[in-house]
């Protein structure tokens, strides 16, 4: 059961995790293989407009109409940090896919 409208989804590169978010101001994290809800991540204060996984990891980025971006570690289902300084709503989110070492 997803509750209010889902606005954005992302799947981890390994296909094991699905993140869904939207109007409920929470990120719902599912085990894609079992079809089971693993956790609801809270911290945003508005509509979550974008979620994206960092390549080859379970690190998730989220963007919200509350003008914050957040970083999450889904291996530990933990909040990492907030990214402040946006002057208007964040309308989408993406992660680097061609990282340089």
PDB file of N, CA and C in Angstrom:
ATOM      1  N   UNK A   1       0.847  -1.174   0.000  1.00  0.00           N
ATOM      2  CA  UNK A   1       0.000   0.000   0.000  1.00  0.00           C
ATOM      3  C   UNK A   1       0.891   1.235   0.000  1.00  0.00           C
ATOM      4  N   UNK A   2       0.716   2.097  -0.985  1.00  0.00           N
ATOM      5  CA  UNK A   2       1.606   3.228  -1.145  1.00  0.00           C
ATOM      6  C   UNK A   2       1.082   4.521  -0.544  1.00  0.00           C
ATOM      7  N   UNK A   3      -0.175   4.603  -0.180  1.00  0.00           N
ATOM      8  CA  UNK A   3      -0.711   5.830   0.389  1.00  0.00           C
ATOM      9  C   UNK A   3      -0.837   6.899  -0.677  1.00  0.00           C
ATOM     10  N   UNK A   4      -0.522   8.161  -0.302  1.00  0.00           N
ATOM     11  CA  UNK A   4      -0.638   9.260  -1.279  1.00  0.00           C
ATOM     12  C   UNK A   4       0.224   9.003  -2.510  1.00  0.00           C
ATOM     13  N   UNK A   5      -0.034   9.759  -3.533  1.00  0.00           N
ATOM     14  CA  UNK A   5       0.589   9.566  -4.839  1.00  0.00           C
ATOM     15  C   UNK A   5       2.090   9.375  -4.804  1.00  0.00           C
ATOM     16  N   UNK A   6       2.551   8.377  -5.535  1.00  0.00           N
ATOM     17  CA  UNK A   6       3.977   8.158  -5.740  1.00  0.00           C
ATOM     18  C   UNK A   6       4.392   9.055  -6.899  1.00  0.00           C
ATOM     19  N   UNK A   7       5.422   9.869  -6.689  1.00  0.00           N
ATOM     20  CA  UNK A   7       5.887  10.819  -7.703  1.00  0.00           C
ATOM     21  C   UNK A   7       7.186  10.367  -8.364  1.00  0.00           C
ATOM     22  N   UNK A   8       7.945   9.504  -7.684  1.00  0.00           N
ATOM     23  CA  UNK A   8       9.267   9.139  -8.186  1.00  0.00           C
ATOM     24  C   UNK A   8       9.671   7.764  -7.682  1.00  0.00           C
ATOM     25  N   UNK A   9      10.417   7.046  -8.505  1.00  0.00           N
ATOM     26  CA  UNK A   9      10.941   5.732  -8.122  1.00  0.00           C
ATOM     27  C   UNK A   9      12.372   5.574  -8.633  1.00  0.00           C
ATOM     28  N   UNK A  10      13.122   4.694  -7.991  1.00  0.00           N
ATOM     29  CA  UNK A  10      14.468   4.359  -8.442  1.00  0.00           C
ATOM     30  C   UNK A  10      14.758   2.921  -8.047  1.00  0.00           C
ATOM     31  N   UNK A  11      15.568   2.261  -8.871  1.00  0.00           N
ATOM     32  CA  UNK A  11      15.975   0.881  -8.620  1.00  0.00           C
ATOM     33  C   UNK A  11      17.494   0.853  -8.524  1.00  0.00           C
ATOM     34  N   UNK A  12      18.024   0.182  -7.506  1.00  0.00           N
ATOM     35  CA  UNK A  12      19.478   0.068  -7.356  1.00  0.00           C
ATOM     36  C   UNK A  12      20.058  -0.721  -8.531  1.00  0.00           C
ATOM     37  N   UNK A  13      21.319  -0.470  -8.859  1.00  0.00           N
ATOM     38  CA  UNK A  13      21.975  -1.145  -9.986  1.00  0.00           C
ATOM     39  C   UNK A  13      21.931  -2.669  -9.889  1.00  0.00           C
ATOM     40  N   UNK A  14      22.008  -3.190  -8.668  1.00  0.00           N
ATOM     41  CA  UNK A  14      21.980  -4.652  -8.514  1.00  0.00           C
ATOM     42  C   UNK A  14      20.557  -5.213  -8.547  1.00  0.00           C
ATOM     43  N   UNK A  15      19.568  -4.307  -8.626  1.00  0.00           N
ATOM     44  CA  UNK A  15      18.178  -4.725  -8.708  1.00  0.00           C
ATOM     45  C   UNK A  15      17.553  -5.174  -7.405  1.00  0.00           C
ATOM     46  N   UNK A  16      18.280  -5.069  -6.300  1.00  0.00           N
ATOM     47  CA  UNK A  16      17.772  -5.566  -5.019  1.00  0.00           C
ATOM     48  C   UNK A  16      16.849  -4.598  -4.290  1.00  0.00           C
ATOM     49  N   UNK A  17      17.004  -3.292  -4.525  1.00  0.00           N
ATOM     50  CA  UNK A  17      16.229  -2.291  -3.780  1.00  0.00           C
ATOM     51  C   UNK A  17      15.430  -1.406  -4.724  1.00  0.00           C
ATOM     52  N   UNK A  18      14.229  -1.068  -4.295  1.00  0.00           N
ATOM     53  CA  UNK A  18      13.394  -0.094  -4.984  1.00  0.00           C
ATOM     54  C   UNK A  18      13.053   0.997  -3.976  1.00  0.00           C
ATOM     55  N   UNK A  19      13.261   2.251  -4.376  1.00  0.00           N
ATOM     56  CA  UNK A  19      12.880   3.396  -3.547  1.00  0.00           C
ATOM     57  C   UNK A  19      11.717   4.108  -4.226  1.00  0.00           C
ATOM     58  N   UNK A  20      10.668   4.404  -3.459  1.00  0.00           N
ATOM     59  CA  UNK A  20       9.496   5.110  -3.974  1.00  0.00           C
ATOM     60  C   UNK A  20       9.179   6.254  -3.029  1.00  0.00           C
ATOM     61  N   UNK A  21       8.790   7.396  -3.602  1.00  0.00           N
ATOM     62  CA  UNK A  21       8.483   8.549  -2.761  1.00  0.00           C
ATOM     63  C   UNK A  21       7.485   9.450  -3.470  1.00  0.00           C
ATOM     64  N   UNK A  22       6.969  10.406  -2.707  1.00  0.00           N
ATOM     65  CA  UNK A  22       6.008  11.347  -3.280  1.00  0.00           C
ATOM     66  C   UNK A  22       5.425  12.270  -2.237  1.00  0.00           C
ATOM     67  N   UNK A  23       4.108  12.359  -2.228  1.00  0.00           N
ATOM     68  CA  UNK A  23       3.418  13.327  -1.392  1.00  0.00           C
ATOM     69  C   UNK A  23       3.475  13.021   0.098  1.00  0.00           C
ATOM     70  N   UNK A  24       3.781  11.807   0.491  1.00  0.00           N
ATOM     71  CA  UNK A  24       3.769  11.434   1.907  1.00  0.00           C
ATOM     72  C   UNK A  24       4.995  11.921   2.669  1.00  0.00           C
ATOM     73  N   UNK A  25       5.967  12.540   1.978  1.00  0.00           N
ATOM     74  CA  UNK A  25       7.198  13.052   2.608  1.00  0.00           C
ATOM     75  C   UNK A  25       8.050  11.935   3.219  1.00  0.00           C
ATOM     76  N   UNK A  26       7.857  10.718   2.763  1.00  0.00           N
ATOM     77  CA  UNK A  26       8.659   9.585   3.208  1.00  0.00           C
ATOM     78  C   UNK A  26       9.171   8.842   1.984  1.00  0.00           C
ATOM     79  N   UNK A  27      10.304   8.171   2.156  1.00  0.00           N
ATOM     80  CA  UNK A  27      10.829   7.297   1.110  1.00  0.00           C
ATOM     81  C   UNK A  27      10.559   5.863   1.537  1.00  0.00           C
ATOM     82  N   UNK A  28       9.827   5.134   0.710  1.00  0.00           N
ATOM     83  CA  UNK A  28       9.512   3.739   0.992  1.00  0.00           C
ATOM     84  C   UNK A  28      10.558   2.886   0.284  1.00  0.00           C
ATOM     85  N   UNK A  29      11.250   2.045   1.046  1.00  0.00           N
ATOM     86  CA  UNK A  29      12.315   1.203   0.493  1.00  0.00           C
ATOM     87  C   UNK A  29      11.842  -0.247   0.529  1.00  0.00           C
ATOM     88  N   UNK A  30      11.884  -0.898  -0.648  1.00  0.00           N
ATOM     89  CA  UNK A  30      11.397  -2.260  -0.793  1.00  0.00           C
ATOM     90  C   UNK A  30      12.517  -3.202  -1.214  1.00  0.00           C
ATOM     91  N   UNK A  31      12.435  -4.435  -0.741  1.00  0.00           N
ATOM     92  CA  UNK A  31      13.249  -5.534  -1.246  1.00  0.00           C
ATOM     93  C   UNK A  31      12.537  -6.004  -2.512  1.00  0.00           C
ATOM     94  N   UNK A  32      13.162  -5.811  -3.668  1.00  0.00           N
ATOM     95  CA  UNK A  32      12.492  -6.116  -4.934  1.00  0.00           C
ATOM     96  C   UNK A  32      12.274  -7.614  -5.136  1.00  0.00           C
ATOM     97  N   UNK A  33      13.127  -8.420  -4.574  1.00  0.00           N
ATOM     98  CA  UNK A  33      13.018  -9.865  -4.775  1.00  0.00           C
ATOM     99  C   UNK A  33      11.888 -10.462  -3.928  1.00  0.00           C
ATOM    100  N   UNK A  34      11.765  -9.991  -2.696  1.00  0.00           N
ATOM    101  CA  UNK A  34      10.725 -10.505  -1.794  1.00  0.00           C
ATOM    102  C   UNK A  34       9.424  -9.709  -1.893  1.00  0.00           C
ATOM    103  N   UNK A  35       9.496  -8.515  -2.515  1.00  0.00           N
ATOM    104  CA  UNK A  35       8.319  -7.667  -2.592  1.00  0.00           C
ATOM    105  C   UNK A  35       7.901  -7.136  -1.236  1.00  0.00           C
ATOM    106  N   UNK A  36       8.875  -6.971  -0.343  1.00  0.00           N
ATOM    107  CA  UNK A  36       8.600  -6.618   1.052  1.00  0.00           C
ATOM    108  C   UNK A  36       9.111  -5.207   1.363  1.00  0.00           C
ATOM    109  N   UNK A  37       8.307  -4.448   2.108  1.00  0.00           N
ATOM    110  CA  UNK A  37       8.731  -3.139   2.581  1.00  0.00           C
ATOM    111  C   UNK A  37       9.815  -3.316   3.629  1.00  0.00           C
ATOM    112  N   UNK A  38      10.982  -2.689   3.408  1.00  0.00           N
ATOM    113  CA  UNK A  38      12.080  -2.778   4.364  1.00  0.00           C
ATOM    114  C   UNK A  38      12.055  -1.637   5.368  1.00  0.00           C
ATOM    115  N   UNK A  39      11.708  -0.431   4.906  1.00  0.00           N
ATOM    116  CA  UNK A  39      11.732   0.724   5.807  1.00  0.00           C
ATOM    117  C   UNK A  39      11.030   1.905   5.153  1.00  0.00           C
ATOM    118  N   UNK A  40      10.568   2.840   5.980  1.00  0.00           N
ATOM    119  CA  UNK A  40      10.081   4.149   5.560  1.00  0.00           C
ATOM    120  C   UNK A  40      11.047   5.175   6.118  1.00  0.00           C
ATOM    121  N   UNK A  41      11.700   5.924   5.239  1.00  0.00           N
ATOM    122  CA  UNK A  41      12.681   6.921   5.671  1.00  0.00           C
ATOM    123  C   UNK A  41      12.032   8.288   5.741  1.00  0.00           C
ATOM    124  N   UNK A  42      12.126   8.929   6.900  1.00  0.00           N
ATOM    125  CA  UNK A  42      11.535  10.247   7.118  1.00  0.00           C
ATOM    126  C   UNK A  42      12.621  11.296   7.262  1.00  0.00           C
ATOM    127  N   UNK A  43      12.270  12.534   6.949  1.00  0.00           N
ATOM    128  CA  UNK A  43      13.213  13.629   7.119  1.00  0.00           C
ATOM    129  C   UNK A  43      12.856  14.835   6.268  1.00  0.00           C
ATOM    130  N   UNK A  44      12.229  14.599   5.130  1.00  0.00           N
ATOM    131  CA  UNK A  44      11.787  15.704   4.289  1.00  0.00           C
ATOM    132  C   UNK A  44      10.496  16.291   4.845  1.00  0.00           C
ATOM    133  N   UNK A  45      10.225  17.541   4.475  1.00  0.00           N
ATOM    134  CA  UNK A  45       9.030  18.226   4.971  1.00  0.00           C
ATOM    135  C   UNK A  45       8.147  18.697   3.826  1.00  0.00           C
ATOM    136  N   UNK A  46       8.071  17.923   2.784  1.00  0.00           N
ATOM    137  CA  UNK A  46       7.242  18.276   1.639  1.00  0.00           C
ATOM    138  C   UNK A  46       7.244  17.141   0.639  1.00  0.00           C
ATOM    139  N   UNK A  47       6.676  17.421  -0.530  1.00  0.00           N
ATOM    140  CA  UNK A  47       6.614  16.445  -1.601  1.00  0.00           C
ATOM    141  C   UNK A  47       8.019  16.078  -2.059  1.00  0.00           C
ATOM    142  N   UNK A  48       8.334  14.796  -2.071  1.00  0.00           N
ATOM    143  CA  UNK A  48       9.630  14.325  -2.549  1.00  0.00           C
ATOM    144  C   UNK A  48       9.510  14.139  -4.061  1.00  0.00           C
ATOM    145  N   UNK A  49      10.309  14.896  -4.793  1.00  0.00           N
ATOM    146  CA  UNK A  49      10.161  14.971  -6.246  1.00  0.00           C
ATOM    147  C   UNK A  49      11.145  14.106  -7.010  1.00  0.00           C
ATOM    148  N   UNK A  50      12.179  13.601  -6.350  1.00  0.00           N
ATOM    149  CA  UNK A  50      13.151  12.779  -7.060  1.00  0.00           C
ATOM    150  C   UNK A  50      13.959  11.909  -6.127  1.00  0.00           C
ATOM    151  N   UNK A  51      14.242  10.696  -6.560  1.00  0.00           N
ATOM    152  CA  UNK A  51      15.167   9.796  -5.865  1.00  0.00           C
ATOM    153  C   UNK A  51      16.073   9.166  -6.908  1.00  0.00           C
ATOM    154  N   UNK A  52      17.338   8.940  -6.530  1.00  0.00           N
ATOM    155  CA  UNK A  52      18.302   8.338  -7.454  1.00  0.00           C
ATOM    156  C   UNK A  52      19.367   7.597  -6.665  1.00  0.00           C
ATOM    157  N   UNK A  53      19.729   6.415  -7.146  1.00  0.00           N
ATOM    158  CA  UNK A  53      20.802   5.647  -6.519  1.00  0.00           C
ATOM    159  C   UNK A  53      22.137   6.041  -7.125  1.00  0.00           C
ATOM    160  N   UNK A  54      23.159   6.097  -6.283  1.00  0.00           N
ATOM    161  CA  UNK A  54      24.523   6.235  -6.772  1.00  0.00           C
ATOM    162  C   UNK A  54      24.895   4.910  -7.426  1.00  0.00           C
ATOM    163  N   UNK A  55      25.605   4.992  -8.512  1.00  0.00           N
ATOM    164  CA  UNK A  55      25.963   3.798  -9.283  1.00  0.00           C
ATOM    165  C   UNK A  55      26.724   2.778  -8.425  1.00  0.00           C
ATOM    166  N   UNK A  56      26.357   1.525  -8.579  1.00  0.00           N
ATOM    167  CA  UNK A  56      27.020   0.399  -7.911  1.00  0.00           C
ATOM    168  C   UNK A  56      27.039   0.522  -6.393  1.00  0.00           C
ATOM    169  N   UNK A  57      25.994   1.095  -5.829  1.00  0.00           N
ATOM    170  CA  UNK A  57      25.923   1.226  -4.373  1.00  0.00           C
ATOM    171  C   UNK A  57      24.462   1.250  -3.931  1.00  0.00           C
ATOM    172  N   UNK A  58      24.287   1.263  -2.636  1.00  0.00           N
ATOM    173  CA  UNK A  58      22.961   1.452  -2.055  1.00  0.00           C
ATOM    174  C   UNK A  58      22.870   2.825  -1.402  1.00  0.00           C
ATOM    175  N   UNK A  59      23.641   3.777  -1.905  1.00  0.00           N
ATOM    176  CA  UNK A  59      23.544   5.168  -1.464  1.00  0.00           C
ATOM    177  C   UNK A  59      22.465   5.838  -2.314  1.00  0.00           C
ATOM    178  N   UNK A  60      21.503   6.468  -1.634  1.00  0.00           N
ATOM    179  CA  UNK A  60      20.353   7.072  -2.301  1.00  0.00           C
ATOM    180  C   UNK A  60      20.360   8.577  -2.078  1.00  0.00           C
ATOM    181  N   UNK A  61      20.024   9.319  -3.122  1.00  0.00           N
ATOM    182  CA  UNK A  61      19.862  10.771  -3.044  1.00  0.00           C
ATOM    183  C   UNK A  61      18.387  11.076  -3.231  1.00  0.00           C
ATOM    184  N   UNK A  62      17.883  12.048  -2.470  1.00  0.00           N
ATOM    185  CA  UNK A  62      16.486  12.453  -2.614  1.00  0.00           C
ATOM    186  C   UNK A  62      16.397  13.974  -2.671  1.00  0.00           C
ATOM    187  N   UNK A  63      15.447  14.457  -3.451  1.00  0.00           N
ATOM    188  CA  UNK A  63      15.201  15.893  -3.569  1.00  0.00           C
ATOM    189  C   UNK A  63      13.746  16.184  -3.274  1.00  0.00           C
ATOM    190  N   UNK A  64      13.503  17.372  -2.716  1.00  0.00           N
ATOM    191  CA  UNK A  64      12.172  17.657  -2.190  1.00  0.00           C
ATOM    192  C   UNK A  64      11.756  19.097  -2.456  1.00  0.00           C
ATOM    193  N   UNK A  65      10.448  19.319  -2.438  1.00  0.00           N
ATOM    194  CA  UNK A  65       9.920  20.675  -2.561  1.00  0.00           C
ATOM    195  C   UNK A  65      10.262  21.516  -1.327  1.00  0.00           C
ATOM    196  N   UNK A  66      10.782  20.913  -0.245  1.00  0.00           N
ATOM    197  CA  UNK A  66      11.203  21.683   0.928  1.00  0.00           C
ATOM    198  C   UNK A  66      12.577  22.345   0.698  1.00  0.00           C
ATOM    199  N   UNK A  67      13.106  22.229  -0.533  1.00  0.00           N
ATOM    200  CA  UNK A  67      14.361  22.846  -0.973  1.00  0.00           C
ATOM    201  C   UNK A  67      15.600  22.168  -0.392  1.00  0.00           C
ATOM    202  N   UNK A  68      15.480  20.911   0.021  1.00  0.00           N
ATOM    203  CA  UNK A  68      16.655  20.177   0.501  1.00  0.00           C
ATOM    204  C   UNK A  68      16.870  18.925  -0.339  1.00  0.00           C
ATOM    205  N   UNK A  69      18.134  18.559  -0.424  1.00  0.00           N
ATOM    206  CA  UNK A  69      18.520  17.261  -0.943  1.00  0.00           C
ATOM    207  C   UNK A  69      19.030  16.457   0.239  1.00  0.00           C
ATOM    208  N   UNK A  70      18.821  15.182   0.226  1.00  0.00           N
ATOM    209  CA  UNK A  70      19.302  14.347   1.331  1.00  0.00           C
ATOM    210  C   UNK A  70      20.042  13.134   0.768  1.00  0.00           C
ATOM    211  N   UNK A  71      20.979  12.643   1.570  1.00  0.00           N
ATOM    212  CA  UNK A  71      21.752  11.449   1.229  1.00  0.00           C
ATOM    213  C   UNK A  71      21.420  10.386   2.261  1.00  0.00           C
ATOM    214  N   UNK A  72      21.184   9.156   1.791  1.00  0.00           N
ATOM    215  CA  UNK A  72      20.791   8.036   2.639  1.00  0.00           C
ATOM    216  C   UNK A  72      21.693   6.846   2.351  1.00  0.00           C
ATOM    217  N   UNK A  73      22.026   6.080   3.376  1.00  0.00           N
ATOM    218  CA  UNK A  73      22.760   4.817   3.235  1.00  0.00           C
ATOM    219  C   UNK A  73      21.742   3.704   3.443  1.00  0.00           C
ATOM    220  N   UNK A  74      21.359   3.039   2.361  1.00  0.00           N
ATOM    221  CA  UNK A  74      20.314   2.026   2.478  1.00  0.00           C
ATOM    222  C   UNK A  74      20.832   0.678   2.940  1.00  0.00           C
ATOM    223  N   UNK A  75      22.149   0.486   2.993  1.00  0.00           N
ATOM    224  CA  UNK A  75      22.672  -0.733   3.616  1.00  0.00           C
ATOM    225  C   UNK A  75      22.373  -0.718   5.111  1.00  0.00           C
ATOM    226  N   UNK A  76      22.341   0.491   5.687  1.00  0.00           N
ATOM    227  CA  UNK A  76      22.047   0.647   7.111  1.00  0.00           C
ATOM    228  C   UNK A  76      20.687   1.296   7.352  1.00  0.00           C
ATOM    229  N   UNK A  77      19.950   1.609   6.275  1.00  0.00           N
ATOM    230  CA  UNK A  77      18.670   2.321   6.356  1.00  0.00           C
ATOM    231  C   UNK A  77      18.827   3.575   7.219  1.00  0.00           C
ATOM    232  N   UNK A  78      19.863   4.370   6.899  1.00  0.00           N
ATOM    233  CA  UNK A  78      20.218   5.511   7.738  1.00  0.00           C
ATOM    234  C   UNK A  78      20.356   6.792   6.928  1.00  0.00           C
ATOM    235  N   UNK A  79      19.960   7.885   7.548  1.00  0.00           N
ATOM    236  CA  UNK A  79      20.176   9.225   7.019  1.00  0.00           C
ATOM    237  C   UNK A  79      21.660   9.554   7.132  1.00  0.00           C
ATOM    238  N   UNK A  80      22.243  10.176   6.098  1.00  0.00           N
ATOM    239  CA  UNK A  80      23.653  10.549   6.114  1.00  0.00           C
ATOM    240  C   UNK A  80      23.816  12.054   6.280  1.00  0.00           C
ATOM    241  N   UNK A  81      23.216  12.847   5.363  1.00  0.00           N
ATOM    242  CA  UNK A  81      23.338  14.301   5.461  1.00  0.00           C
ATOM    243  C   UNK A  81      22.312  15.000   4.597  1.00  0.00           C
ATOM    244  N   UNK A  82      22.108  16.301   4.890  1.00  0.00           N
ATOM    245  CA  UNK A  82      21.236  17.160   4.081  1.00  0.00           C
ATOM    246  C   UNK A  82      22.083  18.110   3.269  1.00  0.00           C
ATOM    247  N   UNK A  83      21.601  18.417   2.087  1.00  0.00           N
ATOM    248  CA  UNK A  83      22.255  19.360   1.188  1.00  0.00           C
ATOM    249  C   UNK A  83      21.359  20.594   1.098  1.00  0.00           C
ATOM    250  N   UNK A  84      21.785  21.683   1.743  1.00  0.00           N
ATOM    251  CA  UNK A  84      20.995  22.914   1.802  1.00  0.00           C
ATOM    252  C   UNK A  84      21.487  23.922   0.778  1.00  0.00           C
ATOM    253  N   UNK A  85      20.749  25.021   0.627  1.00  0.00           N
ATOM    254  CA  UNK A  85      21.201  26.131  -0.198  1.00  0.00           C
ATOM    255  C   UNK A  85      20.416  26.323  -1.477  1.00  0.00           C
ATOM    256  N   UNK A  86      19.430  25.501  -1.717  1.00  0.00           N
ATOM    257  CA  UNK A  86      18.614  25.668  -2.917  1.00  0.00           C
ATOM    258  C   UNK A  86      17.610  26.797  -2.680  1.00  0.00           C
ATOM    259  N   UNK A  87      17.409  27.640  -3.678  1.00  0.00           N
ATOM    260  CA  UNK A  87      16.530  28.798  -3.544  1.00  0.00           C
ATOM    261  C   UNK A  87      15.084  28.504  -3.917  1.00  0.00           C
ATOM    262  N   UNK A  88      14.844  27.369  -4.526  1.00  0.00           N
ATOM    263  CA  UNK A  88      13.474  26.979  -4.841  1.00  0.00           C
ATOM    264  C   UNK A  88      13.365  25.457  -4.745  1.00  0.00           C
ATOM    265  N   UNK A  89      12.177  24.962  -4.999  1.00  0.00           N
ATOM    266  CA  UNK A  89      11.922  23.531  -4.872  1.00  0.00           C
ATOM    267  C   UNK A  89      12.846  22.725  -5.781  1.00  0.00           C
ATOM    268  N   UNK A  90      13.255  21.562  -5.305  1.00  0.00           N
ATOM    269  CA  UNK A  90      13.997  20.617  -6.139  1.00  0.00           C
ATOM    270  C   UNK A  90      12.952  19.806  -6.896  1.00  0.00           C
ATOM    271  N   UNK A  91      13.044  19.821  -8.216  1.00  0.00           N
ATOM    272  CA  UNK A  91      12.004  19.182  -9.024  1.00  0.00           C
ATOM    273  C   UNK A  91      12.404  17.823  -9.577  1.00  0.00           C
ATOM    274  N   UNK A  92      13.692  17.473  -9.506  1.00  0.00           N
ATOM    275  CA  UNK A  92      14.129  16.144  -9.933  1.00  0.00           C
ATOM    276  C   UNK A  92      15.488  15.855  -9.305  1.00  0.00           C
ATOM    277  N   UNK A  93      15.930  14.611  -9.419  1.00  0.00           N
ATOM    278  CA  UNK A  93      17.192  14.209  -8.800  1.00  0.00           C
ATOM    279  C   UNK A  93      17.859  13.173  -9.694  1.00  0.00           C
ATOM    280  N   UNK A  94      19.193  13.246  -9.774  1.00  0.00           N
ATOM    281  CA  UNK A  94      19.972  12.247 -10.498  1.00  0.00           C
ATOM    282  C   UNK A  94      21.292  12.096  -9.793  1.00  0.00           C
ATOM    283  N   UNK A  95      22.003  11.027 -10.084  1.00  0.00           N
ATOM    284  CA  UNK A  95      23.308  10.762  -9.470  1.00  0.00           C
ATOM    285  C   UNK A  95      24.328  10.562 -10.576  1.00  0.00           C
ATOM    286  N   UNK A  96      25.583  10.826 -10.256  1.00  0.00           N
ATOM    287  CA  UNK A  96      26.639  10.631 -11.250  1.00  0.00           C
ATOM    288  C   UNK A  96      26.714   9.152 -11.646  1.00  0.00           C
ATOM    289  N   UNK A  97      26.824   8.926 -12.924  1.00  0.00           N
ATOM    290  CA  UNK A  97      26.925   7.551 -13.404  1.00  0.00           C
ATOM    291  C   UNK A  97      28.299   7.265 -13.997  1.00  0.00           C
ATOM    292  N   UNK A  98      29.073   8.284 -14.293  1.00  0.00           N
ATOM    293  CA  UNK A  98      30.409   8.110 -14.849  1.00  0.00           C
ATOM    294  C   UNK A  98      31.447   8.671 -13.914  1.00  0.00           C
ATOM    295  N   UNK A  99      31.565   8.062 -12.738  1.00  0.00           N
ATOM    296  CA  UNK A  99      32.462   8.590 -11.723  1.00  0.00           C
ATOM    297  C   UNK A  99      33.925   8.418 -12.124  1.00  0.00           C
ATOM    298  N   UNK A 100      34.721   9.411 -11.745  1.00  0.00           N
ATOM    299  CA  UNK A 100      36.143   9.394 -12.021  1.00  0.00           C
ATOM    300  C   UNK A 100      36.875   9.065 -10.727  1.00  0.00           C
ATOM    301  N   UNK A 101      37.856   8.154 -10.789  1.00  0.00           N
ATOM    302  CA  UNK A 101      38.587   7.801  -9.568  1.00  0.00           C
ATOM    303  C   UNK A 101      39.851   8.601  -9.436  1.00  0.00           C
TER     304      UNK A 101
END
